[in-house]
Amino acid sequence: MRLRRREPGLPSFRRQHPVGPYVLDFYCSAARLCIEVDGYTHLTEDRPERDARRDAHLHRLGIRVMRYAAATVLADPDGISASILETADELAAQAPPP
């Protein structure tokens, strides 16, 4: 994914960032934004309920979660990345200073 590029003026994302008992796929601390890229297994067994509990926990911590199907990311990586970066910019502008 194109979120790990470090370019001036763009939000910075970390991959596999730990938050409490969870490890986030991508996290932008300035925007308090978590990006999850979900494969097919996130639709099976108890995974949707576990994801919902995890999202609720992150929400209580003030972290916004955006989930994308892996197939969608693979089909349009540039479009998805642009959308995520735009959202991160907006959220970072609204966030109180650390």
PDB file of N, CA and C in Angstrom:
ATOM      1  N   MET A   1       0.847  -1.176   0.000  1.00  0.00           N
ATOM      2  CA  MET A   1       0.000   0.000   0.000  1.00  0.00           C
ATOM      3  C   MET A   1       0.891   1.236   0.000  1.00  0.00           C
ATOM      4  N   ARG A   2       0.409   2.287  -0.541  1.00  0.00           N
ATOM      5  CA  ARG A   2       1.186   3.506  -0.735  1.00  0.00           C
ATOM      6  C   ARG A   2       1.190   4.439   0.476  1.00  0.00           C
ATOM      7  N   LEU A   3       0.693   3.994   1.592  1.00  0.00           N
ATOM      8  CA  LEU A   3       0.607   4.853   2.775  1.00  0.00           C
ATOM      9  C   LEU A   3       1.939   5.005   3.487  1.00  0.00           C
ATOM     10  N   ARG A   4       2.865   4.134   3.260  1.00  0.00           N
ATOM     11  CA  ARG A   4       4.131   4.176   3.992  1.00  0.00           C
ATOM     12  C   ARG A   4       5.120   5.161   3.383  1.00  0.00           C
ATOM     13  N   ARG A   5       4.815   5.723   2.234  1.00  0.00           N
ATOM     14  CA  ARG A   5       5.721   6.715   1.643  1.00  0.00           C
ATOM     15  C   ARG A   5       5.842   7.902   2.575  1.00  0.00           C
ATOM     16  N   ARG A   6       7.033   8.335   2.793  1.00  0.00           N
ATOM     17  CA  ARG A   6       7.277   9.515   3.634  1.00  0.00           C
ATOM     18  C   ARG A   6       7.585  10.688   2.713  1.00  0.00           C
ATOM     19  N   GLU A   7       6.592  11.534   2.519  1.00  0.00           N
ATOM     20  CA  GLU A   7       6.765  12.700   1.670  1.00  0.00           C
ATOM     21  C   GLU A   7       6.337  13.938   2.436  1.00  0.00           C
ATOM     22  N   PRO A   8       7.069  15.027   2.255  1.00  0.00           N
ATOM     23  CA  PRO A   8       6.696  16.270   2.951  1.00  0.00           C
ATOM     24  C   PRO A   8       5.254  16.666   2.616  1.00  0.00           C
ATOM     25  N   GLY A   9       4.541  17.057   3.658  1.00  0.00           N
ATOM     26  CA  GLY A   9       3.171  17.520   3.473  1.00  0.00           C
ATOM     27  C   GLY A   9       2.125  16.411   3.466  1.00  0.00           C
ATOM     28  N   LEU A  10       2.545  15.148   3.453  1.00  0.00           N
ATOM     29  CA  LEU A  10       1.595  14.039   3.480  1.00  0.00           C
ATOM     30  C   LEU A  10       1.558  13.423   4.870  1.00  0.00           C
ATOM     31  N   PRO A  11       0.387  12.937   5.280  1.00  0.00           N
ATOM     32  CA  PRO A  11       0.305  12.273   6.582  1.00  0.00           C
ATOM     33  C   PRO A  11       1.214  11.045   6.603  1.00  0.00           C
ATOM     34  N   SER A  12       1.744  10.747   7.756  1.00  0.00           N
ATOM     35  CA  SER A  12       2.649   9.620   7.933  1.00  0.00           C
ATOM     36  C   SER A  12       1.903   8.457   8.580  1.00  0.00           C
ATOM     37  N   PHE A  13       2.023   7.275   8.002  1.00  0.00           N
ATOM     38  CA  PHE A  13       1.388   6.072   8.532  1.00  0.00           C
ATOM     39  C   PHE A  13       2.449   5.074   8.965  1.00  0.00           C
ATOM     40  N   ARG A  14       2.162   4.384  10.069  1.00  0.00           N
ATOM     41  CA  ARG A  14       3.004   3.281  10.519  1.00  0.00           C
ATOM     42  C   ARG A  14       2.264   1.977  10.250  1.00  0.00           C
ATOM     43  N   ARG A  15       3.005   0.956   9.892  1.00  0.00           N
ATOM     44  CA  ARG A  15       2.416  -0.355   9.628  1.00  0.00           C
ATOM     45  C   ARG A  15       2.583  -1.226  10.872  1.00  0.00           C
ATOM     46  N   GLN A  16       1.570  -2.068  11.129  1.00  0.00           N
ATOM     47  CA  GLN A  16       1.588  -3.001  12.256  1.00  0.00           C
ATOM     48  C   GLN A  16       1.849  -2.266  13.572  1.00  0.00           C
ATOM     49  N   HIS A  17       1.012  -1.277  13.834  1.00  0.00           N
ATOM     50  CA  HIS A  17       1.155  -0.433  15.016  1.00  0.00           C
ATOM     51  C   HIS A  17       0.320  -1.004  16.171  1.00  0.00           C
ATOM     52  N   PRO A  18       0.953  -1.290  17.326  1.00  0.00           N
ATOM     53  CA  PRO A  18       0.206  -1.838  18.456  1.00  0.00           C
ATOM     54  C   PRO A  18      -0.590  -0.754  19.191  1.00  0.00           C
ATOM     55  N   VAL A  19      -1.834  -1.088  19.537  1.00  0.00           N
ATOM     56  CA  VAL A  19      -2.685  -0.237  20.382  1.00  0.00           C
ATOM     57  C   VAL A  19      -3.399  -1.181  21.336  1.00  0.00           C
ATOM     58  N   GLY A  20      -2.995  -1.144  22.592  1.00  0.00           N
ATOM     59  CA  GLY A  20      -3.570  -2.065  23.564  1.00  0.00           C
ATOM     60  C   GLY A  20      -3.370  -3.496  23.111  1.00  0.00           C
ATOM     61  N   PRO A  21      -4.435  -4.307  23.131  1.00  0.00           N
ATOM     62  CA  PRO A  21      -4.291  -5.710  22.748  1.00  0.00           C
ATOM     63  C   PRO A  21      -4.315  -5.935  21.228  1.00  0.00           C
ATOM     64  N   TYR A  22      -4.399  -4.874  20.447  1.00  0.00           N
ATOM     65  CA  TYR A  22      -4.563  -4.994  19.000  1.00  0.00           C
ATOM     66  C   TYR A  22      -3.331  -4.500  18.254  1.00  0.00           C
ATOM     67  N   VAL A  23      -3.184  -4.998  17.032  1.00  0.00           N
ATOM     68  CA  VAL A  23      -2.152  -4.511  16.118  1.00  0.00           C
ATOM     69  C   VAL A  23      -2.882  -3.996  14.881  1.00  0.00           C
ATOM     70  N   LEU A  24      -2.725  -2.703  14.612  1.00  0.00           N
ATOM     71  CA  LEU A  24      -3.419  -2.055  13.502  1.00  0.00           C
ATOM     72  C   LEU A  24      -2.617  -2.225  12.219  1.00  0.00           C
ATOM     73  N   ASP A  25      -3.308  -2.474  11.109  1.00  0.00           N
ATOM     74  CA  ASP A  25      -2.603  -2.616   9.830  1.00  0.00           C
ATOM     75  C   ASP A  25      -1.803  -1.360   9.514  1.00  0.00           C
ATOM     76  N   PHE A  26      -2.466  -0.209   9.535  1.00  0.00           N
ATOM     77  CA  PHE A  26      -1.819   1.085   9.304  1.00  0.00           C
ATOM     78  C   PHE A  26      -2.395   2.087  10.297  1.00  0.00           C
ATOM     79  N   TYR A  27      -1.541   2.984  10.804  1.00  0.00           N
ATOM     80  CA  TYR A  27      -2.012   3.977  11.770  1.00  0.00           C
ATOM     81  C   TYR A  27      -1.318   5.310  11.527  1.00  0.00           C
ATOM     82  N   CYS A  28      -2.123   6.371  11.491  1.00  0.00           N
ATOM     83  CA  CYS A  28      -1.625   7.741  11.386  1.00  0.00           C
ATOM     84  C   CYS A  28      -1.935   8.427  12.709  1.00  0.00           C
ATOM     85  N   SER A  29      -0.897   8.692  13.502  1.00  0.00           N
ATOM     86  CA  SER A  29      -1.121   9.271  14.830  1.00  0.00           C
ATOM     87  C   SER A  29      -1.626  10.706  14.752  1.00  0.00           C
ATOM     88  N   ALA A  30      -1.167  11.489  13.767  1.00  0.00           N
ATOM     89  CA  ALA A  30      -1.608  12.887  13.653  1.00  0.00           C
ATOM     90  C   ALA A  30      -3.107  12.982  13.405  1.00  0.00           C
ATOM     91  N   ALA A  31      -3.659  12.007  12.688  1.00  0.00           N
ATOM     92  CA  ALA A  31      -5.086  12.004  12.371  1.00  0.00           C
ATOM     93  C   ALA A  31      -5.884  11.072  13.273  1.00  0.00           C
ATOM     94  N   ARG A  32      -5.180  10.290  14.103  1.00  0.00           N
ATOM     95  CA  ARG A  32      -5.824   9.262  14.926  1.00  0.00           C
ATOM     96  C   ARG A  32      -6.702   8.383  14.038  1.00  0.00           C
ATOM     97  N   LEU A  33      -6.069   7.874  12.971  1.00  0.00           N
ATOM     98  CA  LEU A  33      -6.775   7.111  11.938  1.00  0.00           C
ATOM     99  C   LEU A  33      -6.130   5.744  11.761  1.00  0.00           C
ATOM    100  N   CYS A  34      -6.963   4.714  11.829  1.00  0.00           N
ATOM    101  CA  CYS A  34      -6.544   3.331  11.618  1.00  0.00           C
ATOM    102  C   CYS A  34      -7.103   2.861  10.283  1.00  0.00           C
ATOM    103  N   ILE A  35      -6.255   2.228   9.485  1.00  0.00           N
ATOM    104  CA  ILE A  35      -6.686   1.641   8.220  1.00  0.00           C
ATOM    105  C   ILE A  35      -6.524   0.137   8.335  1.00  0.00           C
ATOM    106  N   GLU A  36      -7.595  -0.588   8.097  1.00  0.00           N
ATOM    107  CA  GLU A  36      -7.570  -2.046   8.121  1.00  0.00           C
ATOM    108  C   GLU A  36      -7.863  -2.569   6.720  1.00  0.00           C
ATOM    109  N   VAL A  37      -7.022  -3.459   6.247  1.00  0.00           N
ATOM    110  CA  VAL A  37      -7.212  -4.115   4.957  1.00  0.00           C
ATOM    111  C   VAL A  37      -7.589  -5.557   5.262  1.00  0.00           C
ATOM    112  N   ASP A  38      -8.835  -5.893   4.967  1.00  0.00           N
ATOM    113  CA  ASP A  38      -9.397  -7.168   5.379  1.00  0.00           C
ATOM    114  C   ASP A  38      -9.477  -8.156   4.225  1.00  0.00           C
ATOM    115  N   GLY A  39      -8.958  -9.343   4.463  1.00  0.00           N
ATOM    116  CA  GLY A  39      -9.100 -10.439   3.518  1.00  0.00           C
ATOM    117  C   GLY A  39     -10.424 -11.154   3.733  1.00  0.00           C
ATOM    118  N   TYR A  40     -10.621 -12.211   2.985  1.00  0.00           N
ATOM    119  CA  TYR A  40     -11.867 -12.974   3.021  1.00  0.00           C
ATOM    120  C   TYR A  40     -12.192 -13.490   4.419  1.00  0.00           C
ATOM    121  N   THR A  41     -11.177 -13.840   5.198  1.00  0.00           N
ATOM    122  CA  THR A  41     -11.433 -14.434   6.517  1.00  0.00           C
ATOM    123  C   THR A  41     -12.185 -13.497   7.450  1.00  0.00           C
ATOM    124  N   HIS A  42     -12.166 -12.205   7.181  1.00  0.00           N
ATOM    125  CA  HIS A  42     -12.893 -11.258   8.039  1.00  0.00           C
ATOM    126  C   HIS A  42     -14.406 -11.377   7.856  1.00  0.00           C
ATOM    127  N   LEU A  43     -14.829 -12.176   6.892  1.00  0.00           N
ATOM    128  CA  LEU A  43     -16.262 -12.390   6.659  1.00  0.00           C
ATOM    129  C   LEU A  43     -16.741 -13.725   7.217  1.00  0.00           C
ATOM    130  N   THR A  44     -15.837 -14.504   7.804  1.00  0.00           N
ATOM    131  CA  THR A  44     -16.182 -15.856   8.220  1.00  0.00           C
ATOM    132  C   THR A  44     -16.238 -15.986   9.741  1.00  0.00           C
ATOM    133  N   GLU A  45     -16.899 -17.036  10.177  1.00  0.00           N
ATOM    134  CA  GLU A  45     -17.023 -17.431  11.573  1.00  0.00           C
ATOM    135  C   GLU A  45     -17.370 -16.242  12.470  1.00  0.00           C
ATOM    136  N   ASP A  46     -16.617 -16.050  13.553  1.00  0.00           N
ATOM    137  CA  ASP A  46     -16.937 -14.982  14.497  1.00  0.00           C
ATOM    138  C   ASP A  46     -16.163 -13.700  14.193  1.00  0.00           C
ATOM    139  N   ARG A  47     -15.481 -13.675  13.070  1.00  0.00           N
ATOM    140  CA  ARG A  47     -14.604 -12.540  12.764  1.00  0.00           C
ATOM    141  C   ARG A  47     -15.350 -11.198  12.682  1.00  0.00           C
ATOM    142  N   PRO A  48     -16.530 -11.111  12.063  1.00  0.00           N
ATOM    143  CA  PRO A  48     -17.232  -9.816  12.044  1.00  0.00           C
ATOM    144  C   PRO A  48     -17.522  -9.270  13.446  1.00  0.00           C
ATOM    145  N   GLU A  49     -17.896 -10.149  14.382  1.00  0.00           N
ATOM    146  CA  GLU A  49     -18.170  -9.702  15.743  1.00  0.00           C
ATOM    147  C   GLU A  49     -16.885  -9.248  16.435  1.00  0.00           C
ATOM    148  N   ARG A  50     -15.798  -9.975  16.226  1.00  0.00           N
ATOM    149  CA  ARG A  50     -14.515  -9.581  16.811  1.00  0.00           C
ATOM    150  C   ARG A  50     -14.053  -8.241  16.247  1.00  0.00           C
ATOM    151  N   ASP A  51     -14.221  -8.058  14.946  1.00  0.00           N
ATOM    152  CA  ASP A  51     -13.849  -6.777  14.334  1.00  0.00           C
ATOM    153  C   ASP A  51     -14.692  -5.637  14.897  1.00  0.00           C
ATOM    154  N   ALA A  52     -15.976  -5.888  15.124  1.00  0.00           N
ATOM    155  CA  ALA A  52     -16.857  -4.855  15.678  1.00  0.00           C
ATOM    156  C   ALA A  52     -16.422  -4.472  17.095  1.00  0.00           C
ATOM    157  N   ARG A  53     -16.059  -5.470  17.918  1.00  0.00           N
ATOM    158  CA  ARG A  53     -15.578  -5.176  19.275  1.00  0.00           C
ATOM    159  C   ARG A  53     -14.273  -4.370  19.228  1.00  0.00           C
ATOM    160  N   ARG A  54     -13.400  -4.752  18.339  1.00  0.00           N
ATOM    161  CA  ARG A  54     -12.122  -4.049  18.180  1.00  0.00           C
ATOM    162  C   ARG A  54     -12.354  -2.608  17.745  1.00  0.00           C
ATOM    163  N   ASP A  55     -13.232  -2.414  16.747  1.00  0.00           N
ATOM    164  CA  ASP A  55     -13.538  -1.065  16.264  1.00  0.00           C
ATOM    165  C   ASP A  55     -14.144  -0.212  17.374  1.00  0.00           C
ATOM    166  N   ALA A  56     -15.020  -0.806  18.178  1.00  0.00           N
ATOM    167  CA  ALA A  56     -15.635  -0.064  19.279  1.00  0.00           C
ATOM    168  C   ALA A  56     -14.574   0.340  20.307  1.00  0.00           C
ATOM    169  N   HIS A  57     -13.651  -0.544  20.596  1.00  0.00           N
ATOM    170  CA  HIS A  57     -12.564  -0.232  21.534  1.00  0.00           C
ATOM    171  C   HIS A  57     -11.725   0.928  20.996  1.00  0.00           C
ATOM    172  N   LEU A  58     -11.363   0.869  19.732  1.00  0.00           N
ATOM    173  CA  LEU A  58     -10.559   1.940  19.134  1.00  0.00           C
ATOM    174  C   LEU A  58     -11.336   3.255  19.118  1.00  0.00           C
ATOM    175  N   HIS A  59     -12.620   3.188  18.848  1.00  0.00           N
ATOM    176  CA  HIS A  59     -13.464   4.386  18.849  1.00  0.00           C
ATOM    177  C   HIS A  59     -13.463   5.041  20.238  1.00  0.00           C
ATOM    178  N   ARG A  60     -13.542   4.219  21.279  1.00  0.00           N
ATOM    179  CA  ARG A  60     -13.503   4.760  22.644  1.00  0.00           C
ATOM    180  C   ARG A  60     -12.179   5.472  22.927  1.00  0.00           C
ATOM    181  N   LEU A  61     -11.125   5.059  22.247  1.00  0.00           N
ATOM    182  CA  LEU A  61      -9.818   5.705  22.398  1.00  0.00           C
ATOM    183  C   LEU A  61      -9.667   6.934  21.492  1.00  0.00           C
ATOM    184  N   GLY A  62     -10.716   7.227  20.718  1.00  0.00           N
ATOM    185  CA  GLY A  62     -10.661   8.382  19.826  1.00  0.00           C
ATOM    186  C   GLY A  62      -9.995   8.095  18.491  1.00  0.00           C
ATOM    187  N   ILE A  63      -9.920   6.823  18.129  1.00  0.00           N
ATOM    188  CA  ILE A  63      -9.296   6.423  16.864  1.00  0.00           C
ATOM    189  C   ILE A  63     -10.387   6.040  15.876  1.00  0.00           C
ATOM    190  N   ARG A  64     -10.355   6.675  14.719  1.00  0.00           N
ATOM    191  CA  ARG A  64     -11.306   6.352  13.655  1.00  0.00           C
ATOM    192  C   ARG A  64     -10.761   5.165  12.860  1.00  0.00           C
ATOM    193  N   VAL A  65     -11.642   4.241  12.493  1.00  0.00           N
ATOM    194  CA  VAL A  65     -11.251   3.046  11.743  1.00  0.00           C
ATOM    195  C   VAL A  65     -11.892   3.089  10.363  1.00  0.00           C
ATOM    196  N   MET A  66     -11.068   2.884   9.354  1.00  0.00           N
ATOM    197  CA  MET A  66     -11.558   2.722   7.982  1.00  0.00           C
ATOM    198  C   MET A  66     -11.155   1.322   7.528  1.00  0.00           C
ATOM    199  N   ARG A  67     -12.139   0.540   7.074  1.00  0.00           N
ATOM    200  CA  ARG A  67     -11.872  -0.828   6.621  1.00  0.00           C
ATOM    201  C   ARG A  67     -12.071  -0.925   5.114  1.00  0.00           C
ATOM    202  N   TYR A  68     -11.167  -1.657   4.490  1.00  0.00           N
ATOM    203  CA  TYR A  68     -11.233  -1.896   3.055  1.00  0.00           C
ATOM    204  C   TYR A  68     -11.031  -3.379   2.792  1.00  0.00           C
ATOM    205  N   ALA A  69     -11.777  -3.911   1.857  1.00  0.00           N
ATOM    206  CA  ALA A  69     -11.554  -5.287   1.418  1.00  0.00           C
ATOM    207  C   ALA A  69     -10.244  -5.329   0.639  1.00  0.00           C
ATOM    208  N   ALA A  70      -9.459  -6.365   0.867  1.00  0.00           N
ATOM    209  CA  ALA A  70      -8.174  -6.494   0.188  1.00  0.00           C
ATOM    210  C   ALA A  70      -8.352  -6.466  -1.332  1.00  0.00           C
ATOM    211  N   ALA A  71      -9.408  -7.076  -1.830  1.00  0.00           N
ATOM    212  CA  ALA A  71      -9.645  -7.102  -3.272  1.00  0.00           C
ATOM    213  C   ALA A  71      -9.852  -5.689  -3.822  1.00  0.00           C
ATOM    214  N   THR A  72     -10.512  -4.839  -3.056  1.00  0.00           N
ATOM    215  CA  THR A  72     -10.735  -3.451  -3.470  1.00  0.00           C
ATOM    216  C   THR A  72      -9.414  -2.700  -3.519  1.00  0.00           C
ATOM    217  N   VAL A  73      -8.575  -2.911  -2.523  1.00  0.00           N
ATOM    218  CA  VAL A  73      -7.274  -2.242  -2.473  1.00  0.00           C
ATOM    219  C   VAL A  73      -6.414  -2.690  -3.653  1.00  0.00           C
ATOM    220  N   LEU A  74      -6.427  -3.979  -3.946  1.00  0.00           N
ATOM    221  CA  LEU A  74      -5.633  -4.494  -5.065  1.00  0.00           C
ATOM    222  C   LEU A  74      -6.153  -3.996  -6.411  1.00  0.00           C
ATOM    223  N   ALA A  75      -7.460  -3.788  -6.510  1.00  0.00           N
ATOM    224  CA  ALA A  75      -8.053  -3.333  -7.766  1.00  0.00           C
ATOM    225  C   ALA A  75      -7.776  -1.859  -8.042  1.00  0.00           C
ATOM    226  N   ASP A  76      -7.660  -1.043  -6.991  1.00  0.00           N
ATOM    227  CA  ASP A  76      -7.461   0.399  -7.184  1.00  0.00           C
ATOM    228  C   ASP A  76      -6.577   0.978  -6.080  1.00  0.00           C
ATOM    229  N   PRO A  77      -5.315   0.574  -6.009  1.00  0.00           N
ATOM    230  CA  PRO A  77      -4.469   1.046  -4.916  1.00  0.00           C
ATOM    231  C   PRO A  77      -4.263   2.549  -4.915  1.00  0.00           C
ATOM    232  N   ASP A  78      -4.148   3.161  -6.086  1.00  0.00           N
ATOM    233  CA  ASP A  78      -3.942   4.612  -6.125  1.00  0.00           C
ATOM    234  C   ASP A  78      -5.178   5.371  -5.654  1.00  0.00           C
ATOM    235  N   GLY A  79      -6.343   4.941  -6.082  1.00  0.00           N
ATOM    236  CA  GLY A  79      -7.584   5.599  -5.678  1.00  0.00           C
ATOM    237  C   GLY A  79      -7.851   5.450  -4.187  1.00  0.00           C
ATOM    238  N   ILE A  80      -7.639   4.244  -3.669  1.00  0.00           N
ATOM    239  CA  ILE A  80      -7.857   4.004  -2.244  1.00  0.00           C
ATOM    240  C   ILE A  80      -6.868   4.835  -1.424  1.00  0.00           C
ATOM    241  N   SER A  81      -5.591   4.825  -1.822  1.00  0.00           N
ATOM    242  CA  SER A  81      -4.580   5.599  -1.097  1.00  0.00           C
ATOM    243  C   SER A  81      -4.903   7.083  -1.106  1.00  0.00           C
ATOM    244  N   ALA A  82      -5.318   7.603  -2.248  1.00  0.00           N
ATOM    245  CA  ALA A  82      -5.662   9.031  -2.346  1.00  0.00           C
ATOM    246  C   ALA A  82      -6.822   9.366  -1.407  1.00  0.00           C
ATOM    247  N   SER A  83      -7.819   8.503  -1.356  1.00  0.00           N
ATOM    248  CA  SER A  83      -8.968   8.723  -0.474  1.00  0.00           C
ATOM    249  C   SER A  83      -8.547   8.699   0.992  1.00  0.00           C
ATOM    250  N   ILE A  84      -7.697   7.748   1.353  1.00  0.00           N
ATOM    251  CA  ILE A  84      -7.222   7.645   2.734  1.00  0.00           C
ATOM    252  C   ILE A  84      -6.399   8.871   3.112  1.00  0.00           C
ATOM    253  N   LEU A  85      -5.493   9.284   2.237  1.00  0.00           N
ATOM    254  CA  LEU A  85      -4.654  10.448   2.528  1.00  0.00           C
ATOM    255  C   LEU A  85      -5.488  11.717   2.672  1.00  0.00           C
ATOM    256  N   GLU A  86      -6.520  11.844   1.858  1.00  0.00           N
ATOM    257  CA  GLU A  86      -7.414  13.006   1.965  1.00  0.00           C
ATOM    258  C   GLU A  86      -8.134  13.009   3.314  1.00  0.00           C
ATOM    259  N   THR A  87      -8.641  11.848   3.711  1.00  0.00           N
ATOM    260  CA  THR A  87      -9.318  11.735   5.004  1.00  0.00           C
ATOM    261  C   THR A  87      -8.347  12.029   6.142  1.00  0.00           C
ATOM    262  N   ALA A  88      -7.130  11.485   6.055  1.00  0.00           N
ATOM    263  CA  ALA A  88      -6.130  11.724   7.100  1.00  0.00           C
ATOM    264  C   ALA A  88      -5.790  13.207   7.203  1.00  0.00           C
ATOM    265  N   ASP A  89      -5.668  13.881   6.068  1.00  0.00           N
ATOM    266  CA  ASP A  89      -5.404  15.333   6.086  1.00  0.00           C
ATOM    267  C   ASP A  89      -6.511  16.078   6.818  1.00  0.00           C
ATOM    268  N   GLU A  90      -7.757  15.740   6.490  1.00  0.00           N
ATOM    269  CA  GLU A  90      -8.908  16.407   7.106  1.00  0.00           C
ATOM    270  C   GLU A  90      -8.941  16.158   8.606  1.00  0.00           C
ATOM    271  N   LEU A  91      -8.723  14.911   9.007  1.00  0.00           N
ATOM    272  CA  LEU A  91      -8.768  14.568  10.431  1.00  0.00           C
ATOM    273  C   LEU A  91      -7.614  15.210  11.192  1.00  0.00           C
ATOM    274  N   ALA A  92      -6.428  15.217  10.595  1.00  0.00           N
ATOM    275  CA  ALA A  92      -5.275  15.838  11.261  1.00  0.00           C
ATOM    276  C   ALA A  92      -5.492  17.323  11.469  1.00  0.00           C
ATOM    277  N   ALA A  93      -6.151  17.975  10.519  1.00  0.00           N
ATOM    278  CA  ALA A  93      -6.420  19.419  10.643  1.00  0.00           C
ATOM    279  C   ALA A  93      -7.403  19.697  11.780  1.00  0.00           C
ATOM    280  N   GLN A  94      -8.282  18.738  12.084  1.00  0.00           N
ATOM    281  CA  GLN A  94      -9.286  18.895  13.134  1.00  0.00           C
ATOM    282  C   GLN A  94      -8.780  18.456  14.503  1.00  0.00           C
ATOM    283  N   ALA A  95      -7.719  17.667  14.514  1.00  0.00           N
ATOM    284  CA  ALA A  95      -7.236  17.067  15.773  1.00  0.00           C
ATOM    285  C   ALA A  95      -6.586  18.125  16.652  1.00  0.00           C
ATOM    286  N   PRO A  96      -6.817  18.009  17.952  1.00  0.00           N
ATOM    287  CA  PRO A  96      -6.115  18.908  18.876  1.00  0.00           C
ATOM    288  C   PRO A  96      -4.628  18.567  18.875  1.00  0.00           C
ATOM    289  N   PRO A  97      -3.774  19.513  19.202  1.00  0.00           N
ATOM    290  CA  PRO A  97      -2.351  19.216  19.254  1.00  0.00           C
ATOM    291  C   PRO A  97      -2.060  18.137  20.296  1.00  0.00           C
ATOM    292  N   PRO A  98      -1.013  17.324  20.071  1.00  0.00           N
ATOM    293  CA  PRO A  98      -0.716  16.226  21.009  1.00  0.00           C
ATOM    294  C   PRO A  98      -0.306  16.738  22.375  1.00  0.00           C
TER     295      PRO A  98
END
